[in-house]
PDB file of N, CA and C in Angstrom:
ATOM      1  N   ILE A   1     -34.046 -24.288  35.187  1.00  0.00           N
ATOM      2  CA  ILE A   1     -32.618 -24.543  35.196  1.00  0.00           C
ATOM      3  C   ILE A   1     -31.901 -23.242  35.536  1.00  0.00           C
ATOM      4  N   ILE A   2     -31.019 -23.312  36.500  1.00  0.00           N
ATOM      5  CA  ILE A   2     -30.218 -22.154  36.869  1.00  0.00           C
ATOM      6  C   ILE A   2     -28.813 -22.347  36.318  1.00  0.00           C
ATOM      7  N   GLU A   3     -28.362 -21.361  35.558  1.00  0.00           N
ATOM      8  CA  GLU A   3     -27.029 -21.432  34.979  1.00  0.00           C
ATOM      9  C   GLU A   3     -26.104 -20.450  35.685  1.00  0.00           C
ATOM     10  N   THR A   4     -24.891 -20.870  35.895  1.00  0.00           N
ATOM     11  CA  THR A   4     -23.914 -19.984  36.529  1.00  0.00           C
ATOM     12  C   THR A   4     -23.096 -19.227  35.486  1.00  0.00           C
ATOM     13  N   GLU A   5     -23.190 -19.652  34.228  1.00  0.00           N
ATOM     14  CA  GLU A   5     -22.459 -18.996  33.145  1.00  0.00           C
ATOM     15  C   GLU A   5     -23.474 -18.367  32.201  1.00  0.00           C
ATOM     16  N   GLY A   6     -23.171 -17.181  31.723  1.00  0.00           N
ATOM     17  CA  GLY A   6     -24.105 -16.462  30.883  1.00  0.00           C
ATOM     18  C   GLY A   6     -24.177 -16.980  29.457  1.00  0.00           C
ATOM     19  N   PRO A   7     -25.196 -16.534  28.735  1.00  0.00           N
ATOM     20  CA  PRO A   7     -25.351 -16.893  27.325  1.00  0.00           C
ATOM     21  C   PRO A   7     -24.403 -16.041  26.465  1.00  0.00           C
ATOM     22  N   VAL A   8     -24.449 -16.262  25.166  1.00  0.00           N
ATOM     23  CA  VAL A   8     -23.671 -15.408  24.263  1.00  0.00           C
ATOM     24  C   VAL A   8     -24.223 -13.986  24.356  1.00  0.00           C
ATOM     25  N   ASP A   9     -23.420 -13.016  23.930  1.00  0.00           N
ATOM     26  CA  ASP A   9     -23.842 -11.617  24.024  1.00  0.00           C
ATOM     27  C   ASP A   9     -25.039 -11.301  23.131  1.00  0.00           C
ATOM     28  N   PHE A  10     -25.026 -11.837  21.909  1.00  0.00           N
ATOM     29  CA  PHE A  10     -26.087 -11.501  20.951  1.00  0.00           C
ATOM     30  C   PHE A  10     -26.481 -12.709  20.123  1.00  0.00           C
ATOM     31  N   CYS A  11     -27.757 -12.753  19.743  1.00  0.00           N
ATOM     32  CA  CYS A  11     -28.285 -13.724  18.785  1.00  0.00           C
ATOM     33  C   CYS A  11     -29.169 -12.967  17.811  1.00  0.00           C
ATOM     34  N   ALA A  12     -29.184 -13.417  16.565  1.00  0.00           N
ATOM     35  CA  ALA A  12     -30.026 -12.783  15.552  1.00  0.00           C
ATOM     36  C   ALA A  12     -30.543 -13.854  14.606  1.00  0.00           C
ATOM     37  N   TRP A  13     -31.745 -13.633  14.105  1.00  0.00           N
ATOM     38  CA  TRP A  13     -32.359 -14.541  13.152  1.00  0.00           C
ATOM     39  C   TRP A  13     -32.860 -13.756  11.949  1.00  0.00           C
ATOM     40  N   ALA A  14     -32.712 -14.328  10.769  1.00  0.00           N
ATOM     41  CA  ALA A  14     -33.268 -13.764   9.538  1.00  0.00           C
ATOM     42  C   ALA A  14     -33.692 -14.939   8.679  1.00  0.00           C
ATOM     43  N   GLY A  15     -34.992 -15.196   8.657  1.00  0.00           N
ATOM     44  CA  GLY A  15     -35.478 -16.363   7.930  1.00  0.00           C
ATOM     45  C   GLY A  15     -34.901 -17.624   8.530  1.00  0.00           C
ATOM     46  N   PRO A  16     -34.321 -18.494   7.689  1.00  0.00           N
ATOM     47  CA  PRO A  16     -33.774 -19.757   8.195  1.00  0.00           C
ATOM     48  C   PRO A  16     -32.356 -19.631   8.752  1.00  0.00           C
ATOM     49  N   ARG A  17     -31.771 -18.455   8.685  1.00  0.00           N
ATOM     50  CA  ARG A  17     -30.392 -18.257   9.150  1.00  0.00           C
ATOM     51  C   ARG A  17     -30.372 -17.660  10.552  1.00  0.00           C
ATOM     52  N   SER A  18     -29.318 -18.006  11.288  1.00  0.00           N
ATOM     53  CA  SER A  18     -29.167 -17.425  12.623  1.00  0.00           C
ATOM     54  C   SER A  18     -27.689 -17.246  12.939  1.00  0.00           C
ATOM     55  N   TRP A  19     -27.440 -16.306  13.842  1.00  0.00           N
ATOM     56  CA  TRP A  19     -26.077 -15.977  14.251  1.00  0.00           C
ATOM     57  C   TRP A  19     -26.029 -15.819  15.764  1.00  0.00           C
ATOM     58  N   ALA A  20     -24.921 -16.217  16.348  1.00  0.00           N
ATOM     59  CA  ALA A  20     -24.640 -15.969  17.764  1.00  0.00           C
ATOM     60  C   ALA A  20     -23.243 -15.390  17.818  1.00  0.00           C
ATOM     61  N   TRP A  21     -23.056 -14.379  18.660  1.00  0.00           N
ATOM     62  CA  TRP A  21     -21.724 -13.805  18.733  1.00  0.00           C
ATOM     63  C   TRP A  21     -21.439 -13.160  20.067  1.00  0.00           C
ATOM     64  N   GLU A  22     -20.153 -13.071  20.326  1.00  0.00           N
ATOM     65  CA  GLU A  22     -19.618 -12.383  21.487  1.00  0.00           C
ATOM     66  C   GLU A  22     -19.067 -11.051  21.011  1.00  0.00           C
ATOM     67  N   ALA A  23     -19.295 -10.003  21.774  1.00  0.00           N
ATOM     68  CA  ALA A  23     -18.764  -8.675  21.461  1.00  0.00           C
ATOM     69  C   ALA A  23     -17.520  -8.436  22.320  1.00  0.00           C
ATOM     70  N   LYS A  24     -16.423  -8.118  21.667  1.00  0.00           N
ATOM     71  CA  LYS A  24     -15.155  -7.898  22.359  1.00  0.00           C
ATOM     72  C   LYS A  24     -14.512  -6.619  21.831  1.00  0.00           C
ATOM     73  N   ALA A  25     -13.643  -6.034  22.627  1.00  0.00           N
ATOM     74  CA  ALA A  25     -12.934  -4.817  22.218  1.00  0.00           C
ATOM     75  C   ALA A  25     -11.564  -4.790  22.869  1.00  0.00           C
ATOM     76  N   THR A  26     -10.652  -4.109  22.204  1.00  0.00           N
ATOM     77  CA  THR A  26      -9.312  -3.925  22.755  1.00  0.00           C
ATOM     78  C   THR A  26      -8.786  -2.558  22.334  1.00  0.00           C
ATOM     79  N   ALA A  27      -7.992  -1.967  23.196  1.00  0.00           N
ATOM     80  CA  ALA A  27      -7.331  -0.696  22.883  1.00  0.00           C
ATOM     81  C   ALA A  27      -5.895  -0.949  22.439  1.00  0.00           C
ATOM     82  N   ASN A  28      -5.537  -2.203  22.240  1.00  0.00           N
ATOM     83  CA  ASN A  28      -4.199  -2.591  21.797  1.00  0.00           C
ATOM     84  C   ASN A  28      -4.253  -3.096  20.366  1.00  0.00           C
ATOM     85  N   SER A  29      -3.093  -3.266  19.751  1.00  0.00           N
ATOM     86  CA  SER A  29      -3.056  -3.809  18.391  1.00  0.00           C
ATOM     87  C   SER A  29      -3.229  -5.324  18.386  1.00  0.00           C
ATOM     88  N   ARG A  30      -3.280  -5.929  19.593  1.00  0.00           N
ATOM     89  CA  ARG A  30      -3.509  -7.365  19.721  1.00  0.00           C
ATOM     90  C   ARG A  30      -4.695  -7.616  20.660  1.00  0.00           C
ATOM     91  N   TRP A  31      -5.586  -8.517  20.254  1.00  0.00           N
ATOM     92  CA  TRP A  31      -6.702  -8.926  21.108  1.00  0.00           C
ATOM     93  C   TRP A  31      -6.315 -10.238  21.778  1.00  0.00           C
ATOM     94  N   SER A  32      -6.329 -10.240  23.105  1.00  0.00           N
ATOM     95  CA  SER A  32      -5.923 -11.407  23.887  1.00  0.00           C
ATOM     96  C   SER A  32      -7.008 -12.479  23.884  1.00  0.00           C
ATOM     97  N   PHE A  33      -6.611 -13.720  23.594  1.00  0.00           N
ATOM     98  CA  PHE A  33      -7.570 -14.827  23.645  1.00  0.00           C
ATOM     99  C   PHE A  33      -8.089 -15.046  25.061  1.00  0.00           C
ATOM    100  N   GLY A  34      -7.360 -14.561  26.057  1.00  0.00           N
ATOM    101  CA  GLY A  34      -7.809 -14.656  27.437  1.00  0.00           C
ATOM    102  C   GLY A  34      -9.061 -13.833  27.706  1.00  0.00           C
ATOM    103  N   ASP A  35      -9.405 -12.950  26.780  1.00  0.00           N
ATOM    104  CA  ASP A  35     -10.612 -12.135  26.907  1.00  0.00           C
ATOM    105  C   ASP A  35     -11.879 -12.937  26.597  1.00  0.00           C
ATOM    106  N   LEU A  36     -11.721 -14.109  26.021  1.00  0.00           N
ATOM    107  CA  LEU A  36     -12.863 -14.983  25.723  1.00  0.00           C
ATOM    108  C   LEU A  36     -12.826 -16.156  26.696  1.00  0.00           C
ATOM    109  N   GLN A  37     -13.816 -16.219  27.564  1.00  0.00           N
ATOM    110  CA  GLN A  37     -13.860 -17.244  28.596  1.00  0.00           C
ATOM    111  C   GLN A  37     -14.235 -18.607  28.007  1.00  0.00           C
ATOM    112  N   PRO A  38     -13.801 -19.693  28.640  1.00  0.00           N
ATOM    113  CA  PRO A  38     -14.124 -21.029  28.118  1.00  0.00           C
ATOM    114  C   PRO A  38     -15.621 -21.272  27.916  1.00  0.00           C
ATOM    115  N   HIS A  39     -16.466 -20.784  28.829  1.00  0.00           N
ATOM    116  CA  HIS A  39     -17.902 -21.014  28.647  1.00  0.00           C
ATOM    117  C   HIS A  39     -18.431 -20.249  27.434  1.00  0.00           C
ATOM    118  N   GLN A  40     -17.835 -19.093  27.120  1.00  0.00           N
ATOM    119  CA  GLN A  40     -18.245 -18.351  25.935  1.00  0.00           C
ATOM    120  C   GLN A  40     -17.843 -19.118  24.674  1.00  0.00           C
ATOM    121  N   ALA A  41     -16.658 -19.671  24.672  1.00  0.00           N
ATOM    122  CA  ALA A  41     -16.202 -20.473  23.536  1.00  0.00           C
ATOM    123  C   ALA A  41     -17.093 -21.699  23.345  1.00  0.00           C
ATOM    124  N   ARG A  42     -17.480 -22.343  24.444  1.00  0.00           N
ATOM    125  CA  ARG A  42     -18.366 -23.513  24.345  1.00  0.00           C
ATOM    126  C   ARG A  42     -19.713 -23.128  23.745  1.00  0.00           C
ATOM    127  N   ARG A  43     -20.238 -21.987  24.162  1.00  0.00           N
ATOM    128  CA  ARG A  43     -21.535 -21.536  23.624  1.00  0.00           C
ATOM    129  C   ARG A  43     -21.447 -21.306  22.115  1.00  0.00           C
ATOM    130  N   LEU A  44     -20.382 -20.649  21.682  1.00  0.00           N
ATOM    131  CA  LEU A  44     -20.222 -20.386  20.248  1.00  0.00           C
ATOM    132  C   LEU A  44     -20.064 -21.693  19.472  1.00  0.00           C
ATOM    133  N   THR A  45     -19.283 -22.605  20.013  1.00  0.00           N
ATOM    134  CA  THR A  45     -19.070 -23.891  19.345  1.00  0.00           C
ATOM    135  C   THR A  45     -20.371 -24.679  19.263  1.00  0.00           C
ATOM    136  N   THR A  46     -21.160 -24.656  20.316  1.00  0.00           N
ATOM    137  CA  THR A  46     -22.444 -25.351  20.321  1.00  0.00           C
ATOM    138  C   THR A  46     -23.393 -24.765  19.284  1.00  0.00           C
ATOM    139  N   TRP A  47     -23.373 -23.452  19.136  1.00  0.00           N
ATOM    140  CA  TRP A  47     -24.282 -22.781  18.196  1.00  0.00           C
ATOM    141  C   TRP A  47     -23.899 -23.061  16.746  1.00  0.00           C
ATOM    142  N   LEU A  48     -22.613 -23.117  16.462  1.00  0.00           N
ATOM    143  CA  LEU A  48     -22.117 -23.201  15.090  1.00  0.00           C
ATOM    144  C   LEU A  48     -22.547 -24.490  14.399  1.00  0.00           C
ATOM    145  N   ARG A  49     -23.349 -24.358  13.367  1.00  0.00           N
ATOM    146  CA  ARG A  49     -23.788 -25.473  12.533  1.00  0.00           C
ATOM    147  C   ARG A  49     -23.958 -24.948  11.107  1.00  0.00           C
ATOM    148  N   PRO A  50     -22.847 -24.832  10.340  1.00  0.00           N
ATOM    149  CA  PRO A  50     -22.942 -24.272   8.990  1.00  0.00           C
ATOM    150  C   PRO A  50     -23.959 -24.971   8.101  1.00  0.00           C
ATOM    151  N   ASP A  51     -24.078 -26.296   8.238  1.00  0.00           N
ATOM    152  CA  ASP A  51     -25.031 -27.035   7.410  1.00  0.00           C
ATOM    153  C   ASP A  51     -26.478 -26.686   7.764  1.00  0.00           C
ATOM    154  N   ALA A  52     -26.705 -26.198   8.957  1.00  0.00           N
ATOM    155  CA  ALA A  52     -28.045 -25.803   9.389  1.00  0.00           C
ATOM    156  C   ALA A  52     -28.221 -24.282   9.332  1.00  0.00           C
ATOM    157  N   LYS A  53     -27.285 -23.604   8.674  1.00  0.00           N
ATOM    158  CA  LYS A  53     -27.325 -22.150   8.515  1.00  0.00           C
ATOM    159  C   LYS A  53     -27.245 -21.420   9.854  1.00  0.00           C
ATOM    160  N   ARG A  54     -26.497 -22.007  10.785  1.00  0.00           N
ATOM    161  CA  ARG A  54     -26.239 -21.371  12.080  1.00  0.00           C
ATOM    162  C   ARG A  54     -24.773 -20.978  12.131  1.00  0.00           C
ATOM    163  N   ARG A  55     -24.512 -19.695  12.269  1.00  0.00           N
ATOM    164  CA  ARG A  55     -23.153 -19.166  12.312  1.00  0.00           C
ATOM    165  C   ARG A  55     -22.853 -18.624  13.701  1.00  0.00           C
ATOM    166  N   ALA A  56     -21.586 -18.573  14.024  1.00  0.00           N
ATOM    167  CA  ALA A  56     -21.144 -18.010  15.302  1.00  0.00           C
ATOM    168  C   ALA A  56     -19.884 -17.201  15.038  1.00  0.00           C
ATOM    169  N   GLY A  57     -19.648 -16.213  15.887  1.00  0.00           N
ATOM    170  CA  GLY A  57     -18.465 -15.406  15.669  1.00  0.00           C
ATOM    171  C   GLY A  57     -18.174 -14.431  16.789  1.00  0.00           C
ATOM    172  N   ILE A  58     -17.158 -13.622  16.521  1.00  0.00           N
ATOM    173  CA  ILE A  58     -16.730 -12.573  17.436  1.00  0.00           C
ATOM    174  C   ILE A  58     -16.899 -11.243  16.720  1.00  0.00           C
ATOM    175  N   ALA A  59     -17.624 -10.330  17.334  1.00  0.00           N
ATOM    176  CA  ALA A  59     -17.672  -8.951  16.842  1.00  0.00           C
ATOM    177  C   ALA A  59     -16.591  -8.224  17.634  1.00  0.00           C
ATOM    178  N   LEU A  60     -15.531  -7.854  16.954  1.00  0.00           N
ATOM    179  CA  LEU A  60     -14.340  -7.351  17.619  1.00  0.00           C
ATOM    180  C   LEU A  60     -14.025  -5.933  17.189  1.00  0.00           C
ATOM    181  N   ARG A  61     -13.798  -5.066  18.169  1.00  0.00           N
ATOM    182  CA  ARG A  61     -13.393  -3.686  17.895  1.00  0.00           C
ATOM    183  C   ARG A  61     -11.965  -3.475  18.367  1.00  0.00           C
ATOM    184  N   TYR A  62     -11.131  -3.014  17.429  1.00  0.00           N
ATOM    185  CA  TYR A  62      -9.787  -2.530  17.763  1.00  0.00           C
ATOM    186  C   TYR A  62      -9.920  -1.020  17.842  1.00  0.00           C
ATOM    187  N   ASP A  63      -9.690  -0.458  19.008  1.00  0.00           N
ATOM    188  CA  ASP A  63      -9.838   0.978  19.243  1.00  0.00           C
ATOM    189  C   ASP A  63      -8.444   1.572  19.445  1.00  0.00           C
ATOM    190  N   LEU A  64      -7.804   1.906  18.334  1.00  0.00           N
ATOM    191  CA  LEU A  64      -6.423   2.373  18.366  1.00  0.00           C
ATOM    192  C   LEU A  64      -6.366   3.862  18.066  1.00  0.00           C
ATOM    193  N   ASP A  65      -5.883   4.632  19.018  1.00  0.00           N
ATOM    194  CA  ASP A  65      -5.808   6.093  18.893  1.00  0.00           C
ATOM    195  C   ASP A  65      -7.179   6.627  18.478  1.00  0.00           C
ATOM    196  N   ASP A  66      -7.265   7.277  17.333  1.00  0.00           N
ATOM    197  CA  ASP A  66      -8.550   7.813  16.864  1.00  0.00           C
ATOM    198  C   ASP A  66      -9.190   6.938  15.801  1.00  0.00           C
ATOM    199  N   VAL A  67      -8.670   5.746  15.585  1.00  0.00           N
ATOM    200  CA  VAL A  67      -9.175   4.862  14.538  1.00  0.00           C
ATOM    201  C   VAL A  67      -9.815   3.633  15.177  1.00  0.00           C
ATOM    202  N   GLN A  68     -11.057   3.386  14.807  1.00  0.00           N
ATOM    203  CA  GLN A  68     -11.753   2.192  15.279  1.00  0.00           C
ATOM    204  C   GLN A  68     -11.963   1.254  14.097  1.00  0.00           C
ATOM    205  N   THR A  69     -11.613   0.003  14.292  1.00  0.00           N
ATOM    206  CA  THR A  69     -11.816  -1.015  13.270  1.00  0.00           C
ATOM    207  C   THR A  69     -12.745  -2.067  13.853  1.00  0.00           C
ATOM    208  N   ASP A  70     -13.916  -2.219  13.247  1.00  0.00           N
ATOM    209  CA  ASP A  70     -14.913  -3.181  13.711  1.00  0.00           C
ATOM    210  C   ASP A  70     -14.957  -4.354  12.751  1.00  0.00           C
ATOM    211  N   LEU A  71     -14.798  -5.551  13.302  1.00  0.00           N
ATOM    212  CA  LEU A  71     -14.700  -6.751  12.478  1.00  0.00           C
ATOM    213  C   LEU A  71     -15.652  -7.841  12.928  1.00  0.00           C
ATOM    214  N   TRP A  72     -16.082  -8.668  11.968  1.00  0.00           N
ATOM    215  CA  TRP A  72     -16.769  -9.932  12.247  1.00  0.00           C
ATOM    216  C   TRP A  72     -15.745 -11.022  11.989  1.00  0.00           C
ATOM    217  N   LEU A  73     -15.468 -11.828  13.002  1.00  0.00           N
ATOM    218  CA  LEU A  73     -14.554 -12.957  12.871  1.00  0.00           C
ATOM    219  C   LEU A  73     -15.363 -14.239  13.010  1.00  0.00           C
ATOM    220  N   ASP A  74     -15.361 -15.051  11.989  1.00  0.00           N
ATOM    221  CA  ASP A  74     -16.127 -16.292  11.992  1.00  0.00           C
ATOM    222  C   ASP A  74     -15.529 -17.258  13.004  1.00  0.00           C
ATOM    223  N   TRP A  75     -16.348 -17.768  13.892  1.00  0.00           N
ATOM    224  CA  TRP A  75     -15.875 -18.672  14.934  1.00  0.00           C
ATOM    225  C   TRP A  75     -15.250 -19.929  14.341  1.00  0.00           C
ATOM    226  N   GLU A  76     -15.702 -20.324  13.185  1.00  0.00           N
ATOM    227  CA  GLU A  76     -15.152 -21.501  12.522  1.00  0.00           C
ATOM    228  C   GLU A  76     -13.637 -21.372  12.319  1.00  0.00           C
ATOM    229  N   HIS A  77     -13.144 -20.149  12.157  1.00  0.00           N
ATOM    230  CA  HIS A  77     -11.712 -19.906  11.986  1.00  0.00           C
ATOM    231  C   HIS A  77     -11.035 -19.579  13.320  1.00  0.00           C
ATOM    232  N   VAL A  78     -11.676 -18.771  14.129  1.00  0.00           N
ATOM    233  CA  VAL A  78     -11.084 -18.332  15.397  1.00  0.00           C
ATOM    234  C   VAL A  78     -10.950 -19.488  16.386  1.00  0.00           C
ATOM    235  N   VAL A  79     -11.880 -20.431  16.366  1.00  0.00           N
ATOM    236  CA  VAL A  79     -11.859 -21.524  17.342  1.00  0.00           C
ATOM    237  C   VAL A  79     -10.563 -22.326  17.252  1.00  0.00           C
ATOM    238  N   LEU A  80     -10.000 -22.450  16.080  1.00  0.00           N
ATOM    239  CA  LEU A  80      -8.747 -23.191  15.937  1.00  0.00           C
ATOM    240  C   LEU A  80      -7.613 -22.492  16.683  1.00  0.00           C
ATOM    241  N   LEU A  81      -7.539 -21.174  16.528  1.00  0.00           N
ATOM    242  CA  LEU A  81      -6.494 -20.396  17.210  1.00  0.00           C
ATOM    243  C   LEU A  81      -6.740 -20.358  18.713  1.00  0.00           C
ATOM    244  N   TRP A  82      -8.001 -20.095  19.096  1.00  0.00           N
ATOM    245  CA  TRP A  82      -8.342 -20.005  20.515  1.00  0.00           C
ATOM    246  C   TRP A  82      -8.083 -21.342  21.220  1.00  0.00           C
ATOM    247  N   SER A  83      -8.437 -22.442  20.574  1.00  0.00           N
ATOM    248  CA  SER A  83      -8.273 -23.764  21.184  1.00  0.00           C
ATOM    249  C   SER A  83      -6.809 -24.098  21.425  1.00  0.00           C
ATOM    250  N   ARG A  84      -5.941 -23.727  20.492  1.00  0.00           N
ATOM    251  CA  ARG A  84      -4.501 -23.952  20.708  1.00  0.00           C
ATOM    252  C   ARG A  84      -4.034 -23.193  21.943  1.00  0.00           C
ATOM    253  N   TRP A  85      -4.499 -21.956  22.069  1.00  0.00           N
ATOM    254  CA  TRP A  85      -4.125 -21.159  23.240  1.00  0.00           C
ATOM    255  C   TRP A  85      -4.695 -21.787  24.517  1.00  0.00           C
ATOM    256  N   ALA A  86      -5.980 -22.151  24.484  1.00  0.00           N
ATOM    257  CA  ALA A  86      -6.663 -22.668  25.680  1.00  0.00           C
ATOM    258  C   ALA A  86      -6.082 -23.993  26.168  1.00  0.00           C
ATOM    259  N   THR A  87      -5.466 -24.752  25.270  1.00  0.00           N
ATOM    260  CA  THR A  87      -4.884 -26.044  25.649  1.00  0.00           C
ATOM    261  C   THR A  87      -3.360 -25.962  25.788  1.00  0.00           C
ATOM    262  N   ASN A  88      -2.843 -24.751  25.937  1.00  0.00           N
ATOM    263  CA  ASN A  88      -1.412 -24.507  26.133  1.00  0.00           C
ATOM    264  C   ASN A  88      -0.545 -25.046  24.995  1.00  0.00           C
ATOM    265  N   GLN A  89      -1.088 -25.036  23.777  1.00  0.00           N
ATOM    266  CA  GLN A  89      -0.326 -25.493  22.615  1.00  0.00           C
ATOM    267  C   GLN A  89       0.096 -24.335  21.718  1.00  0.00           C
ATOM    268  N   ALA A  90      -0.213 -23.113  22.129  1.00  0.00           N
ATOM    269  CA  ALA A  90       0.131 -21.942  21.320  1.00  0.00           C
ATOM    270  C   ALA A  90       1.605 -21.614  21.463  1.00  0.00           C
ATOM    271  N   GLY A  91       2.186 -21.192  20.367  1.00  0.00           N
ATOM    272  CA  GLY A  91       3.581 -20.778  20.399  1.00  0.00           C
ATOM    273  C   GLY A  91       3.699 -19.319  20.808  1.00  0.00           C
ATOM    274  N   ARG A  92       4.897 -18.826  20.802  1.00  0.00           N
ATOM    275  CA  ARG A  92       5.155 -17.424  21.149  1.00  0.00           C
ATOM    276  C   ARG A  92       4.384 -16.513  20.198  1.00  0.00           C
ATOM    277  N   GLY A  93       3.658 -15.565  20.758  1.00  0.00           N
ATOM    278  CA  GLY A  93       2.884 -14.627  19.963  1.00  0.00           C
ATOM    279  C   GLY A  93       1.518 -15.141  19.538  1.00  0.00           C
ATOM    280  N   ASP A  94       1.186 -16.376  19.917  1.00  0.00           N
ATOM    281  CA  ASP A  94      -0.091 -16.970  19.514  1.00  0.00           C
ATOM    282  C   ASP A  94      -1.156 -16.917  20.600  1.00  0.00           C
ATOM    283  N   ALA A  95      -0.942 -16.101  21.625  1.00  0.00           N
ATOM    284  CA  ALA A  95      -1.931 -15.956  22.693  1.00  0.00           C
ATOM    285  C   ALA A  95      -2.875 -14.799  22.412  1.00  0.00           C
ATOM    286  N   SER A  96      -2.704 -14.200  21.242  1.00  0.00           N
ATOM    287  CA  SER A  96      -3.528 -13.051  20.884  1.00  0.00           C
ATOM    288  C   SER A  96      -3.600 -12.952  19.369  1.00  0.00           C
ATOM    289  N   LEU A  97      -4.492 -12.079  18.898  1.00  0.00           N
ATOM    290  CA  LEU A  97      -4.707 -11.896  17.473  1.00  0.00           C
ATOM    291  C   LEU A  97      -4.377 -10.456  17.099  1.00  0.00           C
ATOM    292  N   HIS A  98      -3.348 -10.285  16.276  1.00  0.00           N
ATOM    293  CA  HIS A  98      -2.934  -8.953  15.836  1.00  0.00           C
ATOM    294  C   HIS A  98      -3.979  -8.392  14.877  1.00  0.00           C
ATOM    295  N   ILE A  99      -4.140  -7.080  14.898  1.00  0.00           N
ATOM    296  CA  ILE A  99      -5.147  -6.436  14.057  1.00  0.00           C
ATOM    297  C   ILE A  99      -4.963  -6.780  12.578  1.00  0.00           C
ATOM    298  N   ASP A 100      -3.726  -6.863  12.107  1.00  0.00           N
ATOM    299  CA  ASP A 100      -3.493  -7.197  10.699  1.00  0.00           C
ATOM    300  C   ASP A 100      -4.019  -8.589  10.362  1.00  0.00           C
ATOM    301  N   ASP A 101      -3.811  -9.541  11.265  1.00  0.00           N
ATOM    302  CA  ASP A 101      -4.311 -10.902  11.053  1.00  0.00           C
ATOM    303  C   ASP A 101      -5.832 -10.938  11.129  1.00  0.00           C
ATOM    304  N   ALA A 102      -6.390 -10.169  12.057  1.00  0.00           N
ATOM    305  CA  ALA A 102      -7.851 -10.120  12.195  1.00  0.00           C
ATOM    306  C   ALA A 102      -8.498  -9.517  10.948  1.00  0.00           C
ATOM    307  N   VAL A 103      -7.911  -8.462  10.408  1.00  0.00           N
ATOM    308  CA  VAL A 103      -8.441  -7.841   9.192  1.00  0.00           C
ATOM    309  C   VAL A 103      -8.375  -8.828   8.031  1.00  0.00           C
ATOM    310  N   ALA A 104      -7.286  -9.585   7.952  1.00  0.00           N
ATOM    311  CA  ALA A 104      -7.129 -10.557   6.869  1.00  0.00           C
ATOM    312  C   ALA A 104      -8.145 -11.696   6.961  1.00  0.00           C
ATOM    313  N   MET A 105      -8.508 -12.113   8.173  1.00  0.00           N
ATOM    314  CA  MET A 105      -9.415 -13.247   8.322  1.00  0.00           C
ATOM    315  C   MET A 105     -10.870 -12.829   8.518  1.00  0.00           C
ATOM    316  N   GLY A 106     -11.109 -11.570   8.852  1.00  0.00           N
ATOM    317  CA  GLY A 106     -12.460 -11.129   9.163  1.00  0.00           C
ATOM    318  C   GLY A 106     -13.085 -10.279   8.072  1.00  0.00           C
ATOM    319  N   VAL A 107     -14.234  -9.742   8.397  1.00  0.00           N
ATOM    320  CA  VAL A 107     -14.973  -8.844   7.509  1.00  0.00           C
ATOM    321  C   VAL A 107     -15.249  -7.574   8.295  1.00  0.00           C
ATOM    322  N   GLU A 108     -14.882  -6.441   7.714  1.00  0.00           N
ATOM    323  CA  GLU A 108     -15.160  -5.173   8.400  1.00  0.00           C
ATOM    324  C   GLU A 108     -16.656  -4.901   8.373  1.00  0.00           C
ATOM    325  N   TRP A 109     -17.188  -4.444   9.507  1.00  0.00           N
ATOM    326  CA  TRP A 109     -18.618  -4.155   9.616  1.00  0.00           C
ATOM    327  C   TRP A 109     -19.067  -3.085   8.643  1.00  0.00           C
ATOM    328  N   ASN A 110     -18.184  -2.157   8.325  1.00  0.00           N
ATOM    329  CA  ASN A 110     -18.586  -1.071   7.447  1.00  0.00           C
ATOM    330  C   ASN A 110     -18.232  -1.325   5.985  1.00  0.00           C
ATOM    331  N   SER A 111     -17.909  -2.570   5.643  1.00  0.00           N
ATOM    332  CA  SER A 111     -17.527  -2.884   4.273  1.00  0.00           C
ATOM    333  C   SER A 111     -18.757  -3.012   3.382  1.00  0.00           C
ATOM    334  N   GLU A 112     -18.527  -3.126   2.098  1.00  0.00           N
ATOM    335  CA  GLU A 112     -19.599  -3.258   1.127  1.00  0.00           C
ATOM    336  C   GLU A 112     -20.435  -4.525   1.350  1.00  0.00           C
ATOM    337  N   VAL A 113     -19.861  -5.513   2.013  1.00  0.00           N
ATOM    338  CA  VAL A 113     -20.577  -6.755   2.263  1.00  0.00           C
ATOM    339  C   VAL A 113     -21.874  -6.506   3.021  1.00  0.00           C
ATOM    340  N   PHE A 114     -21.892  -5.524   3.906  1.00  0.00           N
ATOM    341  CA  PHE A 114     -23.050  -5.290   4.751  1.00  0.00           C
ATOM    342  C   PHE A 114     -23.965  -4.195   4.218  1.00  0.00           C
ATOM    343  N   ARG A 115     -23.741  -3.713   3.012  1.00  0.00           N
ATOM    344  CA  ARG A 115     -24.600  -2.657   2.449  1.00  0.00           C
ATOM    345  C   ARG A 115     -25.604  -3.223   1.500  1.00  0.00           C
TER     346      ARG A 115
END
């Protein structure tokens, strides 16, 4: 089978659990949903099966001045926002995710959760 669209950026397995994610970065305080292509969103949605211990998400870096914030955003939450944007149902300011909102909904990579 020849595919014209690529797979997700990363996959990982640990025992019965697995993760698929896209790696994204922005030098702005807002990450544009346009940075995630429809085929990437479809791949994440296809992978996501919480009942089967399959998770999907976005590994997102906000690179602002000299401060880098690395976050894991669960696709289960992001897909709702991205889908509104992708179907032209987003309101003003809803075409992107502000760093404050991302921090509130995500998990920082360097937090105690990962130690």
